[in-house]
Amino acid sequence: MPLPLKPSALRPGDAVRILSLASPVEECVLVKGIAELERLGYRVDLDSQSGLAREGYFAGSSSMRSAALTQALAESNSRAIFCSRGGYGSNYLLECLETLPRTPKILLGHSDITSLQVFLWQKFGWITLYGPMVASNFAHGNAAPNGYELESLSHALNETQHGWTVDLKGECLNSGSTEGMLLGGCLTLIETTLGTPWELDTRGAVLILEDRGMKPYQVDRTLMHLKQAGKLQSLAGIILGDFPECEAATGIETVKSVAGRILGPLGIPVVWGAAVGHTERPMLTLPLGVRAHLTVEGRAGKTQLEILEPACGP
């Protein structure tokens, strides 16, 4: 894997390109998200043809989405790419990215965008941001339910000199303190990298795993697959999300109990219920590909992530 490459920081007045790389987006919700970005001081570039395109359950054809992504990565007038939403379809774009600009650009998103983030990390060493999306979190607003958390977003986008500390707003599943490369994302998308040339290398990582709409047995099966594929054995620590819409019938295991049973014996710090990815709380923004220190204290209820270096350069 190449050495980590940091994108340039985003400043007020800079332009951001909005892309729909997976499933189609509703225009009325996208407009709300764009208004929030403009309130934060950014100029928004949106190609209405590609940004609002529909083809089945995709936001336009794979060739259209691929062309939009390639153009956005190469253009000089925008400083960042903010994804409109997830859904499904980012995996169709990966093999089209054979070469990239030498200078990385901010890529902000989560959920299905995990496929692209893992690919960019494994193949090119690009640091990306696991955070809010325009037609979902930004549309709901700062500090609002299903919205975003401004402080962590600002640190991730703007900081170039120092690291920062994030309260994960979770609880202890396994206590301890550890340090490693912060990687991961959506659980099912991490699993789909197995067997590909861009399979995620998790050795020594503090690994984010989160998802939504899975039954506890499906989470069990996916975690066991990762374990049997050797992806959990050499981890430094684990940060689990809320796993919303994953309720089980009465008397059957929960996702939390499944995680405790499979991940607890690893003997590493594990956070349950961090406000990352799919969450009904204001979503935190975490950089993928930077060093981080995880502290999990059961008695004190402390779940803290110290980002040890800026995610962006000047």
C-alpha atoms as a PDB file:
ATOM      1  CA  MET A   1       0.000   0.000   0.000  1.00  0.00           C
ATOM      2  CA  PRO A   2       1.330   3.484  -0.851  1.00  0.00           C
ATOM      3  CA  LEU A   3       2.174   6.038   1.824  1.00  0.00           C
ATOM      4  CA  PRO A   4      -0.872   8.020   3.021  1.00  0.00           C
ATOM      5  CA  LEU A   5      -1.707  11.049   0.900  1.00  0.00           C
ATOM      6  CA  LYS A   6      -3.578  13.964   2.469  1.00  0.00           C
ATOM      7  CA  PRO A   7      -5.947  16.239   0.553  1.00  0.00           C
ATOM      8  CA  SER A   8      -5.802  19.994   0.848  1.00  0.00           C
ATOM      9  CA  ALA A   9      -7.968  21.506   3.570  1.00  0.00           C
ATOM     10  CA  LEU A  10     -11.273  23.190   2.791  1.00  0.00           C
ATOM     11  CA  ARG A  11     -11.733  26.874   3.554  1.00  0.00           C
ATOM     12  CA  PRO A  12     -14.817  29.138   3.623  1.00  0.00           C
ATOM     13  CA  GLY A  13     -15.553  30.273   0.103  1.00  0.00           C
ATOM     14  CA  ASP A  14     -14.067  27.144  -1.491  1.00  0.00           C
ATOM     15  CA  ALA A  15     -16.158  25.200  -3.973  1.00  0.00           C
ATOM     16  CA  VAL A  16     -17.341  21.657  -3.313  1.00  0.00           C
ATOM     17  CA  ARG A  17     -18.588  19.304  -6.000  1.00  0.00           C
ATOM     18  CA  ILE A  18     -21.755  17.324  -5.170  1.00  0.00           C
ATOM     19  CA  LEU A  19     -21.832  13.855  -6.724  1.00  0.00           C
ATOM     20  CA  SER A  20     -24.430  11.084  -6.738  1.00  0.00           C
ATOM     21  CA  LEU A  21     -22.277   7.973  -7.053  1.00  0.00           C
ATOM     22  CA  ALA A  22     -24.685   5.267  -5.940  1.00  0.00           C
ATOM     23  CA  SER A  23     -28.496   5.490  -5.719  1.00  0.00           C
ATOM     24  CA  PRO A  24     -30.606   8.393  -7.022  1.00  0.00           C
ATOM     25  CA  VAL A  25     -31.469  11.359  -4.831  1.00  0.00           C
ATOM     26  CA  GLU A  26     -34.656  13.369  -4.314  1.00  0.00           C
ATOM     27  CA  GLU A  27     -34.189  16.944  -5.520  1.00  0.00           C
ATOM     28  CA  CYS A  28     -36.128  18.558  -2.657  1.00  0.00           C
ATOM     29  CA  VAL A  29     -33.878  16.922  -0.035  1.00  0.00           C
ATOM     30  CA  LEU A  30     -30.725  17.710  -1.999  1.00  0.00           C
ATOM     31  CA  VAL A  31     -31.727  21.379  -2.139  1.00  0.00           C
ATOM     32  CA  LYS A  32     -31.989  21.464   1.674  1.00  0.00           C
ATOM     33  CA  GLY A  33     -28.527  19.937   2.019  1.00  0.00           C
ATOM     34  CA  ILE A  34     -27.016  22.392  -0.447  1.00  0.00           C
ATOM     35  CA  ALA A  35     -28.559  25.292   1.475  1.00  0.00           C
ATOM     36  CA  GLU A  36     -26.860  24.035   4.644  1.00  0.00           C
ATOM     37  CA  LEU A  37     -23.475  23.822   2.894  1.00  0.00           C
ATOM     38  CA  GLU A  38     -23.916  27.381   1.643  1.00  0.00           C
ATOM     39  CA  ARG A  39     -24.806  28.459   5.180  1.00  0.00           C
ATOM     40  CA  LEU A  40     -21.449  27.000   6.255  1.00  0.00           C
ATOM     41  CA  GLY A  41     -19.739  29.251   3.728  1.00  0.00           C
ATOM     42  CA  TYR A  42     -19.004  26.874   0.852  1.00  0.00           C
ATOM     43  CA  ARG A  43     -19.769  27.349  -2.823  1.00  0.00           C
ATOM     44  CA  VAL A  44     -21.614  24.382  -4.291  1.00  0.00           C
ATOM     45  CA  ASP A  45     -21.143  22.963  -7.777  1.00  0.00           C
ATOM     46  CA  LEU A  46     -23.840  20.545  -8.948  1.00  0.00           C
ATOM     47  CA  ASP A  47     -24.318  19.176 -12.434  1.00  0.00           C
ATOM     48  CA  SER A  48     -28.088  18.721 -12.385  1.00  0.00           C
ATOM     49  CA  GLN A  49     -27.944  16.184 -15.224  1.00  0.00           C
ATOM     50  CA  SER A  50     -25.629  13.777 -13.417  1.00  0.00           C
ATOM     51  CA  GLY A  51     -26.453  14.788  -9.835  1.00  0.00           C
ATOM     52  CA  LEU A  52     -30.167  14.094 -10.261  1.00  0.00           C
ATOM     53  CA  ALA A  53     -29.985  11.295 -12.821  1.00  0.00           C
ATOM     54  CA  ARG A  54     -31.949   8.043 -12.439  1.00  0.00           C
ATOM     55  CA  GLU A  55     -31.508   4.670 -14.041  1.00  0.00           C
ATOM     56  CA  GLY A  56     -33.224   1.879 -12.135  1.00  0.00           C
ATOM     57  CA  TYR A  57     -31.844   1.941  -8.600  1.00  0.00           C
ATOM     58  CA  PHE A  58     -28.724   3.842  -9.721  1.00  0.00           C
ATOM     59  CA  ALA A  59     -28.079   7.583 -10.008  1.00  0.00           C
ATOM     60  CA  GLY A  60     -27.566   7.236 -13.745  1.00  0.00           C
ATOM     61  CA  SER A  61     -25.517   4.748 -15.748  1.00  0.00           C
ATOM     62  CA  SER A  62     -22.175   3.536 -14.443  1.00  0.00           C
ATOM     63  CA  SER A  63     -20.433   5.316 -17.328  1.00  0.00           C
ATOM     64  CA  MET A  64     -22.147   8.603 -16.416  1.00  0.00           C
ATOM     65  CA  ARG A  65     -21.272   8.281 -12.734  1.00  0.00           C
ATOM     66  CA  SER A  66     -17.723   7.235 -13.531  1.00  0.00           C
ATOM     67  CA  ALA A  67     -17.228  10.185 -15.864  1.00  0.00           C
ATOM     68  CA  ALA A  68     -18.611  12.592 -13.241  1.00  0.00           C
ATOM     69  CA  LEU A  69     -16.254  11.212 -10.598  1.00  0.00           C
ATOM     70  CA  THR A  70     -13.207  11.298 -12.886  1.00  0.00           C
ATOM     71  CA  GLN A  71     -13.951  14.885 -13.889  1.00  0.00           C
ATOM     72  CA  ALA A  72     -14.509  15.972 -10.289  1.00  0.00           C
ATOM     73  CA  LEU A  73     -11.227  14.426  -9.150  1.00  0.00           C
ATOM     74  CA  ALA A  74      -9.289  16.190 -11.894  1.00  0.00           C
ATOM     75  CA  GLU A  75     -10.918  19.634 -11.973  1.00  0.00           C
ATOM     76  CA  SER A  76      -9.146  22.545 -10.309  1.00  0.00           C
ATOM     77  CA  ASN A  77     -12.147  24.748  -9.533  1.00  0.00           C
ATOM     78  CA  SER A  78     -13.476  22.545  -6.702  1.00  0.00           C
ATOM     79  CA  ARG A  79     -11.574  21.575  -3.542  1.00  0.00           C
ATOM     80  CA  ALA A  80     -13.721  18.667  -2.330  1.00  0.00           C
ATOM     81  CA  ILE A  81     -16.249  16.024  -3.339  1.00  0.00           C
ATOM     82  CA  PHE A  82     -19.294  15.662  -1.081  1.00  0.00           C
ATOM     83  CA  CYS A  83     -21.518  12.679  -1.821  1.00  0.00           C
ATOM     84  CA  SER A  84     -25.258  13.279  -2.050  1.00  0.00           C
ATOM     85  CA  ARG A  85     -26.217   9.888  -0.575  1.00  0.00           C
ATOM     86  CA  GLY A  86     -25.295   6.210  -0.482  1.00  0.00           C
ATOM     87  CA  GLY A  87     -27.644   3.384  -1.397  1.00  0.00           C
ATOM     88  CA  TYR A  88     -25.954   1.093  -3.892  1.00  0.00           C
ATOM     89  CA  GLY A  89     -23.694   1.385  -6.916  1.00  0.00           C
ATOM     90  CA  SER A  90     -20.282   2.791  -5.974  1.00  0.00           C
ATOM     91  CA  ASN A  91     -18.674  -0.580  -6.671  1.00  0.00           C
ATOM     92  CA  TYR A  92     -19.362  -0.139 -10.386  1.00  0.00           C
ATOM     93  CA  LEU A  93     -16.907   2.769 -10.494  1.00  0.00           C
ATOM     94  CA  LEU A  94     -13.815   1.184  -8.968  1.00  0.00           C
ATOM     95  CA  GLU A  95     -12.197  -0.517 -11.930  1.00  0.00           C
ATOM     96  CA  CYS A  96     -12.503   2.689 -13.969  1.00  0.00           C
ATOM     97  CA  LEU A  97     -10.095   4.476 -11.625  1.00  0.00           C
ATOM     98  CA  GLU A  98      -6.834   3.125 -13.000  1.00  0.00           C
ATOM     99  CA  THR A  99      -4.996   6.422 -12.538  1.00  0.00           C
ATOM    100  CA  LEU A 100      -5.667   9.379 -10.277  1.00  0.00           C
ATOM    101  CA  PRO A 101      -4.343  12.921  -9.919  1.00  0.00           C
ATOM    102  CA  ARG A 102      -1.136  13.080  -7.878  1.00  0.00           C
ATOM    103  CA  THR A 103      -2.786  15.444  -5.405  1.00  0.00           C
ATOM    104  CA  PRO A 104      -5.758  13.898  -3.582  1.00  0.00           C
ATOM    105  CA  LYS A 105      -9.036  15.715  -3.069  1.00  0.00           C
ATOM    106  CA  ILE A 106     -11.347  15.553  -0.057  1.00  0.00           C
ATOM    107  CA  LEU A 107     -13.970  12.819  -0.427  1.00  0.00           C
ATOM    108  CA  LEU A 108     -16.754  12.965   2.167  1.00  0.00           C
ATOM    109  CA  GLY A 109     -19.404  10.281   2.558  1.00  0.00           C
ATOM    110  CA  HIS A 110     -20.355   7.005   4.224  1.00  0.00           C
ATOM    111  CA  SER A 111     -22.509   3.907   3.717  1.00  0.00           C
ATOM    112  CA  ASP A 112     -22.094   2.632   0.122  1.00  0.00           C
ATOM    113  CA  ILE A 113     -19.268   5.141  -0.390  1.00  0.00           C
ATOM    114  CA  THR A 114     -17.194   2.768   1.777  1.00  0.00           C
ATOM    115  CA  SER A 115     -16.413   0.789  -1.395  1.00  0.00           C
ATOM    116  CA  LEU A 116     -14.773   3.825  -2.966  1.00  0.00           C
ATOM    117  CA  GLN A 117     -13.019   4.861   0.248  1.00  0.00           C
ATOM    118  CA  VAL A 118     -11.447   1.436   0.768  1.00  0.00           C
ATOM    119  CA  PHE A 119     -10.383   1.319  -2.892  1.00  0.00           C
ATOM    120  CA  LEU A 120      -8.747   4.755  -2.747  1.00  0.00           C
ATOM    121  CA  TRP A 121      -6.924   3.811   0.457  1.00  0.00           C
ATOM    122  CA  GLN A 122      -5.673   0.387  -0.607  1.00  0.00           C
ATOM    123  CA  LYS A 123      -4.695   1.286  -4.173  1.00  0.00           C
ATOM    124  CA  PHE A 124      -3.536   4.881  -3.822  1.00  0.00           C
ATOM    125  CA  GLY A 125      -3.170   5.663  -0.091  1.00  0.00           C
ATOM    126  CA  TRP A 126      -5.778   8.440  -0.152  1.00  0.00           C
ATOM    127  CA  ILE A 127      -7.094   9.687   3.182  1.00  0.00           C
ATOM    128  CA  THR A 128     -10.885  10.165   3.003  1.00  0.00           C
ATOM    129  CA  LEU A 129     -13.566  11.327   5.443  1.00  0.00           C
ATOM    130  CA  TYR A 130     -16.271   9.049   6.819  1.00  0.00           C
ATOM    131  CA  GLY A 131     -19.004  11.544   7.474  1.00  0.00           C
ATOM    132  CA  PRO A 132     -22.287  13.236   6.554  1.00  0.00           C
ATOM    133  CA  MET A 133     -23.876  13.345   3.125  1.00  0.00           C
ATOM    134  CA  VAL A 134     -25.687  16.198   1.442  1.00  0.00           C
ATOM    135  CA  ALA A 135     -29.201  14.802   0.906  1.00  0.00           C
ATOM    136  CA  SER A 136     -29.371  13.147   4.303  1.00  0.00           C
ATOM    137  CA  ASN A 137     -27.318  14.512   7.198  1.00  0.00           C
ATOM    138  CA  PHE A 138     -26.694  18.031   5.868  1.00  0.00           C
ATOM    139  CA  ALA A 139     -30.358  18.312   4.905  1.00  0.00           C
ATOM    140  CA  HIS A 140     -31.335  17.708   8.561  1.00  0.00           C
ATOM    141  CA  GLY A 141     -28.815  20.232   9.877  1.00  0.00           C
ATOM    142  CA  ASN A 142     -26.191  20.625  12.578  1.00  0.00           C
ATOM    143  CA  ALA A 143     -26.866  18.939  15.953  1.00  0.00           C
ATOM    144  CA  ALA A 144     -30.265  17.691  14.736  1.00  0.00           C
ATOM    145  CA  PRO A 145     -31.553  14.105  14.790  1.00  0.00           C
ATOM    146  CA  ASN A 146     -30.268  12.331  11.656  1.00  0.00           C
ATOM    147  CA  GLY A 147     -28.103  15.400  11.034  1.00  0.00           C
ATOM    148  CA  TYR A 148     -24.400  16.031  11.563  1.00  0.00           C
ATOM    149  CA  GLU A 149     -21.999  17.209  14.255  1.00  0.00           C
ATOM    150  CA  LEU A 150     -20.228  20.395  13.201  1.00  0.00           C
ATOM    151  CA  GLU A 151     -17.152  20.254  15.459  1.00  0.00           C
ATOM    152  CA  SER A 152     -15.772  16.953  14.166  1.00  0.00           C
ATOM    153  CA  LEU A 153     -16.657  17.928  10.593  1.00  0.00           C
ATOM    154  CA  SER A 154     -14.775  21.214  10.897  1.00  0.00           C
ATOM    155  CA  HIS A 155     -11.695  19.552  12.367  1.00  0.00           C
ATOM    156  CA  ALA A 156     -11.643  16.945   9.603  1.00  0.00           C
ATOM    157  CA  LEU A 157     -12.099  19.456   6.769  1.00  0.00           C
ATOM    158  CA  ASN A 158     -10.099  22.425   8.046  1.00  0.00           C
ATOM    159  CA  GLU A 159      -7.354  21.340  10.468  1.00  0.00           C
ATOM    160  CA  THR A 160      -3.831  21.194   9.026  1.00  0.00           C
ATOM    161  CA  GLN A 161      -1.561  21.554  12.072  1.00  0.00           C
ATOM    162  CA  HIS A 162      -2.819  19.349  14.882  1.00  0.00           C
ATOM    163  CA  GLY A 163      -4.953  16.379  15.762  1.00  0.00           C
ATOM    164  CA  TRP A 164      -8.145  16.593  17.821  1.00  0.00           C
ATOM    165  CA  THR A 165     -10.255  14.570  20.239  1.00  0.00           C
ATOM    166  CA  VAL A 166     -13.680  13.082  19.517  1.00  0.00           C
ATOM    167  CA  ASP A 167     -16.218  11.906  22.072  1.00  0.00           C
ATOM    168  CA  LEU A 168     -17.621   8.845  20.295  1.00  0.00           C
ATOM    169  CA  LYS A 169     -20.807   9.007  22.384  1.00  0.00           C
ATOM    170  CA  GLY A 170     -20.776   5.231  22.751  1.00  0.00           C
ATOM    171  CA  GLU A 171     -20.391   2.737  25.567  1.00  0.00           C
ATOM    172  CA  CYS A 172     -17.807   0.186  26.619  1.00  0.00           C
ATOM    173  CA  LEU A 173     -18.002  -3.328  25.228  1.00  0.00           C
ATOM    174  CA  ASN A 174     -14.351  -4.080  26.032  1.00  0.00           C
ATOM    175  CA  SER A 175     -12.258  -1.610  28.018  1.00  0.00           C
ATOM    176  CA  GLY A 176      -8.699  -0.616  27.253  1.00  0.00           C
ATOM    177  CA  SER A 177      -6.464   1.847  25.442  1.00  0.00           C
ATOM    178  CA  THR A 178      -4.863   1.353  22.040  1.00  0.00           C
ATOM    179  CA  GLU A 179      -3.430   3.075  18.993  1.00  0.00           C
ATOM    180  CA  GLY A 180      -3.588   2.281  15.297  1.00  0.00           C
ATOM    181  CA  MET A 181      -4.561   3.397  11.820  1.00  0.00           C
ATOM    182  CA  LEU A 182      -8.227   4.427  11.693  1.00  0.00           C
ATOM    183  CA  LEU A 183      -9.942   2.456   8.927  1.00  0.00           C
ATOM    184  CA  GLY A 184     -13.251   0.811   8.122  1.00  0.00           C
ATOM    185  CA  GLY A 185     -16.780   1.924   7.372  1.00  0.00           C
ATOM    186  CA  CYS A 186     -19.985   0.117   6.501  1.00  0.00           C
ATOM    187  CA  LEU A 187     -19.822  -3.523   7.652  1.00  0.00           C
ATOM    188  CA  THR A 188     -21.318  -5.201   4.584  1.00  0.00           C
ATOM    189  CA  LEU A 189     -19.151  -3.119   2.254  1.00  0.00           C
ATOM    190  CA  ILE A 190     -16.007  -4.051   4.191  1.00  0.00           C
ATOM    191  CA  GLU A 191     -16.996  -7.686   3.724  1.00  0.00           C
ATOM    192  CA  THR A 192     -17.410  -7.264  -0.035  1.00  0.00           C
ATOM    193  CA  THR A 193     -13.759  -6.241  -0.401  1.00  0.00           C
ATOM    194  CA  LEU A 194     -12.674  -9.771   0.537  1.00  0.00           C
ATOM    195  CA  GLY A 195     -11.071 -11.506  -2.423  1.00  0.00           C
ATOM    196  CA  THR A 196     -10.653  -8.315  -4.453  1.00  0.00           C
ATOM    197  CA  PRO A 197      -7.317  -6.635  -5.294  1.00  0.00           C
ATOM    198  CA  TRP A 198      -8.351  -3.836  -2.882  1.00  0.00           C
ATOM    199  CA  GLU A 199      -9.235  -6.097   0.061  1.00  0.00           C
ATOM    200  CA  LEU A 200      -8.943  -3.990   3.198  1.00  0.00           C
ATOM    201  CA  ASP A 201      -5.746  -4.612   5.163  1.00  0.00           C
ATOM    202  CA  THR A 202      -6.884  -4.387   8.786  1.00  0.00           C
ATOM    203  CA  ARG A 203      -3.636  -5.329  10.522  1.00  0.00           C
ATOM    204  CA  GLY A 204      -2.997  -3.011  13.468  1.00  0.00           C
ATOM    205  CA  ALA A 205      -6.060  -0.906  12.669  1.00  0.00           C
ATOM    206  CA  VAL A 206      -8.649   0.748  14.846  1.00  0.00           C
ATOM    207  CA  LEU A 207     -11.552  -0.530  12.763  1.00  0.00           C
ATOM    208  CA  ILE A 208     -14.909   1.213  12.334  1.00  0.00           C
ATOM    209  CA  LEU A 209     -17.767  -1.229  11.686  1.00  0.00           C
ATOM    210  CA  GLU A 210     -21.326   0.058  11.322  1.00  0.00           C
ATOM    211  CA  ASP A 211     -24.447  -0.664   9.275  1.00  0.00           C
ATOM    212  CA  ARG A 212     -28.239  -0.549   9.290  1.00  0.00           C
ATOM    213  CA  GLY A 213     -31.223  -2.820   8.589  1.00  0.00           C
ATOM    214  CA  MET A 214     -29.447  -6.104   9.359  1.00  0.00           C
ATOM    215  CA  LYS A 215     -30.877  -8.876  11.515  1.00  0.00           C
ATOM    216  CA  PRO A 216     -28.616  -9.928  14.388  1.00  0.00           C
ATOM    217  CA  TYR A 217     -27.898 -13.266  12.698  1.00  0.00           C
ATOM    218  CA  GLN A 218     -26.797 -11.394   9.562  1.00  0.00           C
ATOM    219  CA  VAL A 219     -24.377  -9.291  11.596  1.00  0.00           C
ATOM    220  CA  ASP A 220     -23.221 -12.535  13.238  1.00  0.00           C
ATOM    221  CA  ARG A 221     -22.587 -14.141   9.854  1.00  0.00           C
ATOM    222  CA  THR A 222     -20.682 -11.115   8.535  1.00  0.00           C
ATOM    223  CA  LEU A 223     -18.496 -10.789  11.626  1.00  0.00           C
ATOM    224  CA  MET A 224     -17.736 -14.513  11.517  1.00  0.00           C
ATOM    225  CA  HIS A 225     -16.796 -14.181   7.845  1.00  0.00           C
ATOM    226  CA  LEU A 226     -14.381 -11.369   8.665  1.00  0.00           C
ATOM    227  CA  LYS A 227     -12.991 -13.381  11.563  1.00  0.00           C
ATOM    228  CA  GLN A 228     -12.487 -16.515   9.470  1.00  0.00           C
ATOM    229  CA  ALA A 229     -10.889 -14.405   6.735  1.00  0.00           C
ATOM    230  CA  GLY A 230      -8.293 -13.212   9.275  1.00  0.00           C
ATOM    231  CA  LYS A 231      -9.530  -9.610   9.402  1.00  0.00           C
ATOM    232  CA  LEU A 232     -10.175  -9.411  13.153  1.00  0.00           C
ATOM    233  CA  GLN A 233      -7.171 -11.220  14.607  1.00  0.00           C
ATOM    234  CA  SER A 234      -4.593  -8.414  14.411  1.00  0.00           C
ATOM    235  CA  LEU A 235      -6.783  -5.402  15.156  1.00  0.00           C
ATOM    236  CA  ALA A 236      -5.788  -2.750  17.678  1.00  0.00           C
ATOM    237  CA  GLY A 237      -9.372  -1.795  18.513  1.00  0.00           C
ATOM    238  CA  ILE A 238     -12.943  -1.660  17.183  1.00  0.00           C
ATOM    239  CA  ILE A 239     -15.535   1.132  16.985  1.00  0.00           C
ATOM    240  CA  LEU A 240     -19.080  -0.144  16.416  1.00  0.00           C
ATOM    241  CA  GLY A 241     -21.970   2.071  15.351  1.00  0.00           C
ATOM    242  CA  ASP A 242     -25.613   2.167  16.485  1.00  0.00           C
ATOM    243  CA  PHE A 243     -26.850  -0.451  13.992  1.00  0.00           C
ATOM    244  CA  PRO A 244     -30.316   1.122  13.656  1.00  0.00           C
ATOM    245  CA  GLU A 245     -33.278  -0.896  12.325  1.00  0.00           C
ATOM    246  CA  CYS A 246     -31.534  -4.088  13.442  1.00  0.00           C
ATOM    247  CA  GLU A 247     -33.965  -5.062  16.191  1.00  0.00           C
ATOM    248  CA  ALA A 248     -34.586  -8.739  16.859  1.00  0.00           C
ATOM    249  CA  ALA A 249     -37.735 -10.522  17.977  1.00  0.00           C
ATOM    250  CA  THR A 250     -38.197 -10.746  21.735  1.00  0.00           C
ATOM    251  CA  GLY A 251     -35.881 -13.230  23.386  1.00  0.00           C
ATOM    252  CA  ILE A 252     -33.472 -13.477  20.466  1.00  0.00           C
ATOM    253  CA  GLU A 253     -29.929 -12.104  20.465  1.00  0.00           C
ATOM    254  CA  THR A 254     -29.349  -8.432  19.732  1.00  0.00           C
ATOM    255  CA  VAL A 255     -26.579  -7.013  17.551  1.00  0.00           C
ATOM    256  CA  LYS A 256     -24.895  -5.818  20.736  1.00  0.00           C
ATOM    257  CA  SER A 257     -24.894  -9.300  22.278  1.00  0.00           C
ATOM    258  CA  VAL A 258     -23.642 -10.804  19.002  1.00  0.00           C
ATOM    259  CA  ALA A 259     -20.794  -8.278  18.937  1.00  0.00           C
ATOM    260  CA  GLY A 260     -19.923  -9.013  22.542  1.00  0.00           C
ATOM    261  CA  ARG A 261     -19.837 -12.760  21.945  1.00  0.00           C
ATOM    262  CA  ILE A 262     -17.674 -12.597  18.804  1.00  0.00           C
ATOM    263  CA  LEU A 263     -15.505  -9.553  19.463  1.00  0.00           C
ATOM    264  CA  GLY A 264     -15.142  -9.721  23.233  1.00  0.00           C
ATOM    265  CA  PRO A 265     -12.715 -12.690  23.189  1.00  0.00           C
ATOM    266  CA  LEU A 266     -10.348 -10.693  20.951  1.00  0.00           C
ATOM    267  CA  GLY A 267      -9.191  -8.912  24.109  1.00  0.00           C
ATOM    268  CA  ILE A 268      -8.972  -5.471  22.500  1.00  0.00           C
ATOM    269  CA  PRO A 269     -10.838  -2.215  23.262  1.00  0.00           C
ATOM    270  CA  VAL A 270     -14.308  -2.217  21.682  1.00  0.00           C
ATOM    271  CA  VAL A 271     -16.808   0.660  21.620  1.00  0.00           C
ATOM    272  CA  TRP A 272     -20.501  -0.043  21.129  1.00  0.00           C
ATOM    273  CA  GLY A 273     -22.948   2.548  19.772  1.00  0.00           C
ATOM    274  CA  ALA A 274     -20.662   5.305  18.493  1.00  0.00           C
ATOM    275  CA  ALA A 275     -22.447   8.086  16.603  1.00  0.00           C
ATOM    276  CA  VAL A 276     -20.856   7.162  13.262  1.00  0.00           C
ATOM    277  CA  GLY A 277     -22.316   6.250   9.886  1.00  0.00           C
ATOM    278  CA  HIS A 278     -25.934   5.122  10.076  1.00  0.00           C
ATOM    279  CA  THR A 279     -27.170   6.773  13.243  1.00  0.00           C
ATOM    280  CA  GLU A 280     -30.253   8.706  14.238  1.00  0.00           C
ATOM    281  CA  ARG A 281     -28.048  11.087  16.246  1.00  0.00           C
ATOM    282  CA  PRO A 282     -25.934  13.910  14.781  1.00  0.00           C
ATOM    283  CA  MET A 283     -23.270  12.032  12.828  1.00  0.00           C
ATOM    284  CA  LEU A 284     -19.603  12.394  13.677  1.00  0.00           C
ATOM    285  CA  THR A 285     -16.988  12.833  10.942  1.00  0.00           C
ATOM    286  CA  LEU A 286     -13.920  10.584  11.212  1.00  0.00           C
ATOM    287  CA  PRO A 287     -10.892  10.573   8.872  1.00  0.00           C
ATOM    288  CA  LEU A 288      -9.916   7.218   7.394  1.00  0.00           C
ATOM    289  CA  GLY A 289      -6.183   6.584   7.011  1.00  0.00           C
ATOM    290  CA  VAL A 290      -4.770   8.558   9.958  1.00  0.00           C
ATOM    291  CA  ARG A 291      -3.270   7.419  13.254  1.00  0.00           C
ATOM    292  CA  ALA A 292      -5.649   7.477  16.204  1.00  0.00           C
ATOM    293  CA  HIS A 293      -5.657   6.573  19.900  1.00  0.00           C
ATOM    294  CA  LEU A 294      -8.776   4.864  21.276  1.00  0.00           C
ATOM    295  CA  THR A 295      -9.648   4.951  24.985  1.00  0.00           C
ATOM    296  CA  VAL A 296     -12.532   2.857  26.340  1.00  0.00           C
ATOM    297  CA  GLU A 297     -13.283   2.967  30.062  1.00  0.00           C
ATOM    298  CA  GLY A 298     -16.185   0.908  31.327  1.00  0.00           C
ATOM    299  CA  ARG A 299     -16.474   2.347  34.829  1.00  0.00           C
ATOM    300  CA  ALA A 300     -16.105   5.971  33.712  1.00  0.00           C
ATOM    301  CA  GLY A 301     -18.195   5.469  30.603  1.00  0.00           C
ATOM    302  CA  LYS A 302     -15.484   7.087  28.498  1.00  0.00           C
ATOM    303  CA  THR A 303     -15.289   6.313  24.772  1.00  0.00           C
ATOM    304  CA  GLN A 304     -12.787   8.730  23.315  1.00  0.00           C
ATOM    305  CA  LEU A 305     -10.898   8.802  20.051  1.00  0.00           C
ATOM    306  CA  GLU A 306      -7.856  11.026  19.775  1.00  0.00           C
ATOM    307  CA  ILE A 307      -6.978  11.786  16.160  1.00  0.00           C
ATOM    308  CA  LEU A 308      -3.184  12.047  16.292  1.00  0.00           C
ATOM    309  CA  GLU A 309      -2.593  13.966  13.065  1.00  0.00           C
ATOM    310  CA  PRO A 310      -4.534  16.290  10.749  1.00  0.00           C
ATOM    311  CA  ALA A 311      -6.424  14.624   7.915  1.00  0.00           C
ATOM    312  CA  CYS A 312      -5.645  17.465   5.502  1.00  0.00           C
ATOM    313  CA  GLY A 313      -2.618  19.408   4.372  1.00  0.00           C
ATOM    314  CA  PRO A 314      -2.393  23.109   3.488  1.00  0.00           C
END
